[in-house]
Amino acid sequence: MTTVAAYAAPAAKAPLERTTIERRAVREFDVLIDIKFAGICHSDIHQAREGWGEAIFPMVPGHEIAGIVSEVGPGVTKFQVGDRVGVGCMVDSCRECDNCKAGLEQYCTGGNVGTYNALDKNGEPTYGGYAEKIVVDENFVLGIPEGISLDVAAPLLCAGITLYSPLKHWNAGPGKKVAIVGMGGLGHMGVKIAHALGAEVTVLSQTLSKKEDGLKLGADHYYATSDPKTFEELRGSLDLIISTVSAPLNLGAYLSLLKTDGALVNVGAPEEPVSLNLFSVIGGRKTLAGSGIGGIRETQEMLDFCAEHGFGAEIELISADQINEAYERVLSSDVRYRFVIDTATI
């Protein structure tokens, strides 16, 4: 066991504070990672404040982890000391179900093991990336290509793959009109990735305050959803809409923007149920869907894709003592576009 410094929420809704946690000794197939940077995801806040249901405390959030390998177990073949690596939202799965065998570990039928706020196969709680080090099985570690610096790579491990996976699955590319709802930590990655895939990209945001950024990151069009004219003008014009917001939307209004056979895919997860008139999907044979991160293979593909196209996330680097302030700023949409903790400050 190794004792490492970390920032943890001692109880639901309590401010995070500096503490120490135990990391397991490196086993045969384990990789010990010196964490350099950890992104702050909105889901960290949902879980630390029990917005998605009962959680495990003390909680060390963080599933956007970038660092350097400092030790490997004797059976490890995929990584060596000194490698630049990342860890995303899961650190294990059953590895035996049909989904795991198909590279869809995120949909493991037995439930994957979350990087934090979960119990591992030995019943021990998992602790995430707001810490100095982490020990992870090599099969759930990603290689970060040389083309991306570690600080801007960290958010790709959740925000990047959460957008890449549905954009690929629903065939975003040349000739497709894709809209991203919300221009935040997830949304800005959706704009970059959809643009790099060759789609015609529209941003649907509450206001036009981030329009200049959106166009710079690759959007072709930018509309304010607070303006009723937006929904009249875009009616029936889009192939794919990806909603990144965690506030409940008027789903019928957004479904009305789709062409026949279009899809509205939710990757943002509101804490409360949303309602829907089913005529919104019946007319036009439309799809209302959801998508969660990606498998390990697809996450590696996404990292390689971002490196090939020369981009990571747009970040604001903070020290660990600014985490609680950063949480409040995320909730008030005051970040462009992802907070990343410099873990040297822990």
Protein backbone atom coordinates (compact mmCIF):
# COMPACT_ATOMS: atom_id res chain seq x y z
CA MET A 1 0.00 0.00 0.00
CA THR A 2 1.10 3.55 -0.69
CA THR A 3 -0.20 6.61 1.16
CA VAL A 4 -0.81 9.58 -1.14
CA ALA A 5 -2.20 13.08 -0.71
CA ALA A 6 -5.60 13.75 -2.25
CA TYR A 7 -8.58 16.08 -2.15
CA ALA A 8 -11.79 14.45 -0.95
CA ALA A 9 -15.39 15.31 -0.11
CA PRO A 10 -15.83 13.96 3.43
CA ALA A 11 -19.62 13.88 3.09
CA ALA A 12 -22.36 14.79 0.60
CA LYS A 13 -22.34 18.50 -0.25
CA ALA A 14 -19.34 19.12 2.03
CA PRO A 15 -16.43 21.17 0.65
CA LEU A 16 -13.50 19.13 -0.61
CA GLU A 17 -10.45 19.12 1.64
CA ARG A 18 -6.89 17.86 1.57
CA THR A 19 -6.44 14.40 3.05
CA THR A 20 -4.49 11.17 2.49
CA ILE A 21 -5.68 7.91 0.94
CA GLU A 22 -4.20 4.45 0.48
CA ARG A 23 -3.42 3.11 -2.99
CA ARG A 24 -3.04 -0.64 -3.37
CA ALA A 25 0.36 -2.22 -3.94
CA VAL A 26 1.15 -2.79 -7.63
CA ARG A 27 -0.13 -6.22 -8.65
CA GLU A 28 0.93 -8.34 -11.62
CA PHE A 29 -0.98 -6.41 -14.29
CA ASP A 30 -1.09 -3.01 -12.57
CA VAL A 31 0.36 0.33 -13.61
CA LEU A 32 1.29 2.97 -11.01
CA ILE A 33 0.73 6.45 -12.43
CA ASP A 34 2.11 9.72 -11.11
CA ILE A 35 -0.88 11.95 -11.81
CA LYS A 36 0.12 15.28 -13.37
CA PHE A 37 -3.28 16.73 -14.24
CA ALA A 38 -6.91 15.95 -13.39
CA GLY A 39 -9.90 17.53 -15.12
CA ILE A 40 -13.00 18.67 -13.23
CA CYS A 41 -16.12 17.19 -14.82
CA HIS A 42 -19.67 18.29 -14.01
CA SER A 43 -20.32 14.68 -13.03
CA ASP A 44 -17.77 15.09 -10.20
CA ILE A 45 -20.09 17.73 -8.75
CA HIS A 46 -23.25 15.64 -9.28
CA GLN A 47 -21.66 12.76 -7.39
CA ALA A 48 -19.91 14.72 -4.62
CA ARG A 49 -23.29 16.35 -3.89
CA GLU A 50 -25.32 13.14 -4.31
CA GLY A 51 -27.30 14.63 -7.18
CA TRP A 52 -27.42 11.23 -8.89
CA GLY A 53 -28.28 9.24 -5.78
CA GLU A 54 -26.50 7.78 -2.77
CA ALA A 55 -22.71 7.92 -2.97
CA ILE A 56 -19.65 6.59 -1.15
CA PHE A 57 -17.76 8.91 1.21
CA PRO A 58 -15.11 10.06 1.69
CA MET A 59 -15.04 10.62 -2.09
CA VAL A 60 -11.99 11.53 -4.17
CA PRO A 61 -13.50 12.59 -7.51
CA GLY A 62 -11.72 12.81 -10.84
CA HIS A 63 -11.96 10.63 -13.95
CA GLU A 64 -10.03 12.80 -16.39
CA ILE A 65 -6.52 11.75 -15.43
CA ALA A 66 -3.23 12.35 -17.26
CA GLY A 67 0.17 11.37 -15.92
CA ILE A 68 3.38 9.38 -16.22
CA VAL A 69 3.93 5.69 -15.49
CA SER A 70 6.26 5.29 -12.51
CA GLU A 71 6.02 1.52 -11.93
CA VAL A 72 4.56 -1.53 -13.69
CA GLY A 73 3.69 -5.01 -12.45
CA PRO A 74 5.70 -8.00 -13.74
CA GLY A 75 2.92 -9.09 -16.15
CA VAL A 76 2.38 -5.70 -17.78
CA THR A 77 3.06 -5.65 -21.53
CA LYS A 78 1.28 -2.50 -22.74
CA PHE A 79 3.16 0.19 -20.80
CA GLN A 80 6.55 0.94 -19.34
CA VAL A 81 7.99 3.40 -16.87
CA GLY A 82 8.05 6.91 -18.36
CA ASP A 83 5.05 6.44 -20.67
CA ARG A 84 2.50 9.27 -20.93
CA VAL A 85 -0.86 7.79 -20.00
CA GLY A 86 -4.44 8.58 -19.12
CA VAL A 87 -7.28 7.05 -17.13
CA GLY A 88 -10.93 7.80 -17.82
CA CYS A 89 -14.24 6.99 -16.17
CA MET A 90 -13.71 3.28 -15.46
CA VAL A 91 -10.94 1.14 -14.04
CA ASP A 92 -12.38 -2.36 -14.54
CA SER A 93 -15.30 -4.36 -15.91
CA CYS A 94 -16.37 -8.03 -15.92
CA ARG A 95 -14.45 -8.53 -19.20
CA GLU A 96 -16.64 -11.57 -20.01
CA CYS A 97 -20.06 -10.27 -21.10
CA ASP A 98 -20.92 -9.69 -24.76
CA ASN A 99 -20.46 -5.93 -24.40
CA CYS A 100 -17.01 -6.24 -22.82
CA LYS A 101 -15.94 -8.71 -25.51
CA ALA A 102 -17.15 -6.24 -28.16
CA GLY A 103 -15.04 -3.42 -26.69
CA LEU A 104 -18.05 -1.76 -25.08
CA GLU A 105 -16.84 -2.00 -21.50
CA GLN A 106 -18.76 1.17 -20.67
CA TYR A 107 -21.94 -0.91 -21.05
CA CYS A 108 -20.65 -3.95 -19.12
CA THR A 109 -23.82 -5.88 -18.20
CA GLY A 110 -22.47 -6.57 -14.73
CA GLY A 111 -21.59 -2.91 -14.36
CA ASN A 112 -18.12 -1.46 -14.93
CA VAL A 113 -16.05 -0.28 -11.97
CA GLY A 114 -16.03 3.51 -11.84
CA THR A 115 -12.74 5.32 -11.31
CA TYR A 116 -14.26 6.76 -8.14
CA ASN A 117 -17.46 6.41 -6.10
CA ALA A 118 -17.52 2.67 -6.85
CA LEU A 119 -16.47 -0.61 -5.28
CA ASP A 120 -13.77 -2.69 -6.97
CA LYS A 121 -13.93 -6.48 -7.32
CA ASN A 122 -12.59 -6.84 -3.77
CA GLY A 123 -15.29 -4.58 -2.37
CA GLU A 124 -12.87 -1.72 -1.75
CA PRO A 125 -13.95 1.85 -2.64
CA THR A 126 -12.26 3.42 -5.65
CA TYR A 127 -10.70 6.87 -5.43
CA GLY A 128 -10.23 9.14 -8.44
CA GLY A 129 -7.76 11.57 -9.90
CA TYR A 130 -7.72 14.47 -7.42
CA ALA A 131 -4.65 12.75 -5.96
CA GLU A 132 -0.90 12.38 -6.42
CA LYS A 133 -0.94 8.81 -7.74
CA ILE A 134 -3.29 6.05 -8.89
CA VAL A 135 -2.90 2.30 -9.49
CA VAL A 136 -4.89 0.90 -12.44
CA ASP A 137 -5.00 -2.41 -14.33
CA GLU A 138 -3.13 -1.98 -17.63
CA ASN A 139 -6.25 -2.86 -19.64
CA PHE A 140 -7.93 0.33 -18.43
CA VAL A 141 -4.99 2.65 -19.05
CA LEU A 142 -4.74 4.72 -22.26
CA GLY A 143 -1.65 5.92 -24.06
CA ILE A 144 -1.54 9.69 -24.58
CA PRO A 145 0.10 10.46 -27.95
CA GLU A 146 3.05 12.84 -28.10
CA GLY A 147 1.01 15.34 -30.10
CA ILE A 148 -1.07 16.44 -27.09
CA SER A 149 0.28 18.01 -23.89
CA LEU A 150 -0.90 16.28 -20.72
CA ASP A 151 -2.85 19.24 -19.32
CA VAL A 152 -5.13 19.58 -22.36
CA ALA A 153 -5.28 15.79 -22.79
CA ALA A 154 -6.78 15.14 -19.33
CA PRO A 155 -10.35 16.29 -20.20
CA LEU A 156 -10.35 14.11 -23.31
CA LEU A 157 -10.61 11.05 -21.03
CA CYS A 158 -14.24 11.94 -20.28
CA ALA A 159 -15.36 15.03 -22.21
CA GLY A 160 -13.56 13.98 -25.39
CA ILE A 161 -14.77 10.38 -25.54
CA THR A 162 -18.30 11.29 -24.38
CA LEU A 163 -18.68 13.31 -27.60
CA TYR A 164 -16.51 11.25 -29.93
CA SER A 165 -18.45 8.03 -29.31
CA PRO A 166 -21.93 9.25 -30.34
CA LEU A 167 -20.56 11.38 -33.17
CA LYS A 168 -18.94 8.26 -34.63
CA HIS A 169 -21.88 5.97 -33.85
CA TRP A 170 -24.38 8.27 -35.58
CA ASN A 171 -22.01 8.83 -38.50
CA ALA A 172 -21.19 12.51 -38.17
CA GLY A 173 -19.10 13.49 -41.16
CA PRO A 174 -19.18 15.22 -44.55
CA GLY A 175 -22.72 15.98 -45.70
CA LYS A 176 -24.17 15.69 -42.18
CA LYS A 177 -25.65 18.62 -40.26
CA VAL A 178 -24.80 18.21 -36.59
CA ALA A 179 -25.86 20.44 -33.69
CA ILE A 180 -24.25 20.54 -30.26
CA VAL A 181 -26.50 21.77 -27.44
CA GLY A 182 -24.48 23.60 -24.80
CA MET A 183 -21.07 25.22 -25.22
CA GLY A 184 -19.37 24.00 -22.06
CA GLY A 185 -16.79 21.39 -21.08
CA LEU A 186 -18.49 18.68 -23.14
CA GLY A 187 -19.97 20.92 -25.82
CA HIS A 188 -16.74 22.62 -26.85
CA MET A 189 -15.18 19.19 -27.44
CA GLY A 190 -18.22 18.21 -29.50
CA VAL A 191 -17.68 21.25 -31.73
CA LYS A 192 -13.99 20.44 -32.25
CA ILE A 193 -14.54 16.74 -32.92
CA ALA A 194 -17.60 17.15 -35.18
CA HIS A 195 -15.71 19.77 -37.20
CA ALA A 196 -12.65 17.51 -37.49
CA LEU A 197 -14.92 14.68 -38.68
CA GLY A 198 -16.08 16.95 -41.52
CA ALA A 199 -19.66 17.66 -40.41
CA GLU A 200 -21.44 21.00 -40.74
CA VAL A 201 -21.61 22.11 -37.11
CA THR A 202 -24.21 24.25 -35.37
CA VAL A 203 -24.05 25.31 -31.72
CA LEU A 204 -27.30 25.73 -29.82
CA SER A 205 -26.55 27.72 -26.67
CA GLN A 206 -28.76 29.72 -24.30
CA THR A 207 -27.13 32.99 -25.38
CA LEU A 208 -24.66 34.23 -27.98
CA SER A 209 -22.02 35.06 -25.33
CA LYS A 210 -19.67 32.31 -26.53
CA LYS A 211 -20.38 32.69 -30.25
CA GLU A 212 -16.91 33.98 -31.11
CA ASP A 213 -15.31 30.99 -29.34
CA GLY A 214 -17.69 28.55 -30.97
CA LEU A 215 -16.87 29.75 -34.48
CA LYS A 216 -13.16 29.73 -33.70
CA LEU A 217 -13.35 26.11 -32.48
CA GLY A 218 -15.02 24.97 -35.70
CA ALA A 219 -18.74 25.76 -35.58
CA ASP A 220 -20.30 26.90 -38.86
CA HIS A 221 -23.41 28.38 -37.20
CA TYR A 222 -24.30 29.58 -33.71
CA TYR A 223 -27.82 30.17 -32.40
CA ALA A 224 -29.32 31.29 -29.09
CA THR A 225 -31.98 28.87 -27.81
CA SER A 226 -33.48 31.72 -25.76
CA ASP A 227 -34.62 33.23 -29.08
CA PRO A 228 -37.87 31.53 -30.26
CA LYS A 229 -36.91 32.34 -33.88
CA THR A 230 -34.09 29.78 -33.61
CA PHE A 231 -36.59 26.93 -33.42
CA GLU A 232 -38.60 28.28 -36.36
CA GLU A 233 -35.55 28.85 -38.53
CA LEU A 234 -33.92 25.44 -37.91
CA ARG A 235 -37.07 23.29 -37.96
CA GLY A 236 -36.50 20.00 -39.80
CA SER A 237 -32.94 20.86 -40.85
CA LEU A 238 -30.58 18.74 -38.71
CA ASP A 239 -29.41 15.14 -38.98
CA LEU A 240 -28.03 14.79 -35.46
CA ILE A 241 -28.31 16.78 -32.25
CA ILE A 242 -26.15 15.98 -29.24
CA SER A 243 -27.29 17.53 -25.98
CA THR A 244 -24.50 18.05 -23.46
CA VAL A 245 -26.51 19.98 -20.88
CA SER A 246 -27.51 18.60 -17.51
CA ALA A 247 -30.57 20.83 -17.19
CA PRO A 248 -33.94 19.42 -18.35
CA LEU A 249 -34.78 20.53 -21.89
CA ASN A 250 -38.02 20.83 -23.83
CA LEU A 251 -37.25 17.68 -25.80
CA GLY A 252 -40.15 18.20 -28.20
CA ALA A 253 -38.74 21.56 -29.31
CA TYR A 254 -35.33 20.04 -30.06
CA LEU A 255 -36.80 16.98 -31.79
CA SER A 256 -38.67 19.38 -34.10
CA LEU A 257 -35.30 20.54 -35.45
CA LEU A 258 -34.48 17.08 -36.83
CA LYS A 259 -34.95 15.82 -40.35
CA THR A 260 -36.80 12.54 -40.92
CA ASP A 261 -34.74 9.73 -39.30
CA GLY A 262 -32.71 12.24 -37.31
CA ALA A 263 -31.48 11.53 -33.79
CA LEU A 264 -31.36 13.56 -30.57
CA VAL A 265 -28.69 12.00 -28.36
CA ASN A 266 -28.32 12.92 -24.70
CA VAL A 267 -24.91 12.80 -23.05
CA GLY A 268 -25.74 15.36 -20.34
CA ALA A 269 -27.69 13.76 -17.50
CA PRO A 270 -30.22 15.95 -15.65
CA GLU A 271 -30.82 14.99 -12.02
CA GLU A 272 -34.58 14.96 -12.53
CA PRO A 273 -36.84 13.11 -15.03
CA VAL A 274 -37.91 14.82 -18.24
CA SER A 275 -41.24 14.43 -20.02
CA LEU A 276 -41.93 13.82 -23.68
CA ASN A 277 -44.96 13.77 -25.96
CA LEU A 278 -44.31 10.67 -28.09
CA PHE A 279 -45.76 12.35 -31.20
CA SER A 280 -42.42 14.23 -31.21
CA VAL A 281 -40.64 11.04 -32.26
CA ILE A 282 -43.47 9.34 -34.17
CA GLY A 283 -43.70 12.14 -36.71
CA GLY A 284 -40.54 11.82 -38.78
CA ARG A 285 -39.40 8.44 -37.39
CA LYS A 286 -37.01 10.26 -35.07
CA THR A 287 -34.76 8.75 -32.45
CA LEU A 288 -34.32 9.93 -28.87
CA ALA A 289 -31.20 8.27 -27.53
CA GLY A 290 -28.45 8.41 -24.95
CA SER A 291 -24.75 7.62 -24.99
CA GLY A 292 -22.18 7.07 -22.27
CA ILE A 293 -18.41 7.53 -22.71
CA GLY A 294 -16.76 4.87 -24.91
CA GLY A 295 -14.92 1.59 -24.59
CA ILE A 296 -11.18 1.43 -24.04
CA ARG A 297 -10.41 0.75 -27.71
CA GLU A 298 -12.58 3.65 -28.88
CA THR A 299 -11.11 5.96 -26.23
CA GLN A 300 -7.62 5.23 -27.56
CA GLU A 301 -8.91 5.86 -31.09
CA MET A 302 -10.27 9.24 -29.91
CA LEU A 303 -6.95 10.24 -28.31
CA ASP A 304 -5.10 9.33 -31.52
CA PHE A 305 -7.69 11.25 -33.58
CA CYS A 306 -7.29 14.40 -31.46
CA ALA A 307 -3.50 14.18 -31.68
CA GLU A 308 -3.68 13.71 -35.45
CA HIS A 309 -5.84 16.84 -35.72
CA GLY A 310 -3.68 18.77 -33.29
CA PHE A 311 -6.10 19.61 -30.50
CA GLY A 312 -6.96 18.92 -26.88
CA ALA A 313 -9.43 20.65 -24.59
CA GLU A 314 -9.59 24.38 -23.91
CA ILE A 315 -8.62 24.59 -20.24
CA GLU A 316 -8.15 26.82 -17.23
CA LEU A 317 -5.39 25.38 -15.04
CA ILE A 318 -6.01 25.69 -11.29
CA SER A 319 -4.30 24.70 -8.07
CA ALA A 320 -5.88 22.16 -5.73
CA ASP A 321 -6.90 24.80 -3.21
CA GLN A 322 -9.20 26.30 -5.88
CA ILE A 323 -11.31 23.15 -6.36
CA ASN A 324 -14.29 24.28 -4.29
CA GLU A 325 -14.33 27.65 -6.02
CA ALA A 326 -14.08 25.88 -9.39
CA TYR A 327 -17.16 23.76 -8.54
CA GLU A 328 -19.20 26.92 -7.97
CA ARG A 329 -17.90 28.42 -11.19
CA VAL A 330 -18.84 25.29 -13.17
CA LEU A 331 -22.38 25.56 -11.80
CA SER A 332 -22.58 29.17 -12.96
CA SER A 333 -21.04 28.32 -16.39
CA ASP A 334 -18.02 30.47 -15.60
CA VAL A 335 -15.28 28.42 -17.22
CA ARG A 336 -13.83 28.28 -20.73
CA TYR A 337 -14.04 25.40 -20.99
CA ARG A 338 -12.64 22.84 -18.57
CA PHE A 339 -10.95 23.28 -15.23
CA VAL A 340 -7.85 21.14 -14.87
CA ILE A 341 -6.09 20.66 -11.52
CA ASP A 342 -2.30 20.85 -11.47
CA THR A 343 -1.84 17.90 -9.10
CA ALA A 344 1.66 19.10 -8.12
CA THR A 345 -0.28 21.53 -5.89
CA ILE A 346 -1.99 18.75 -3.91
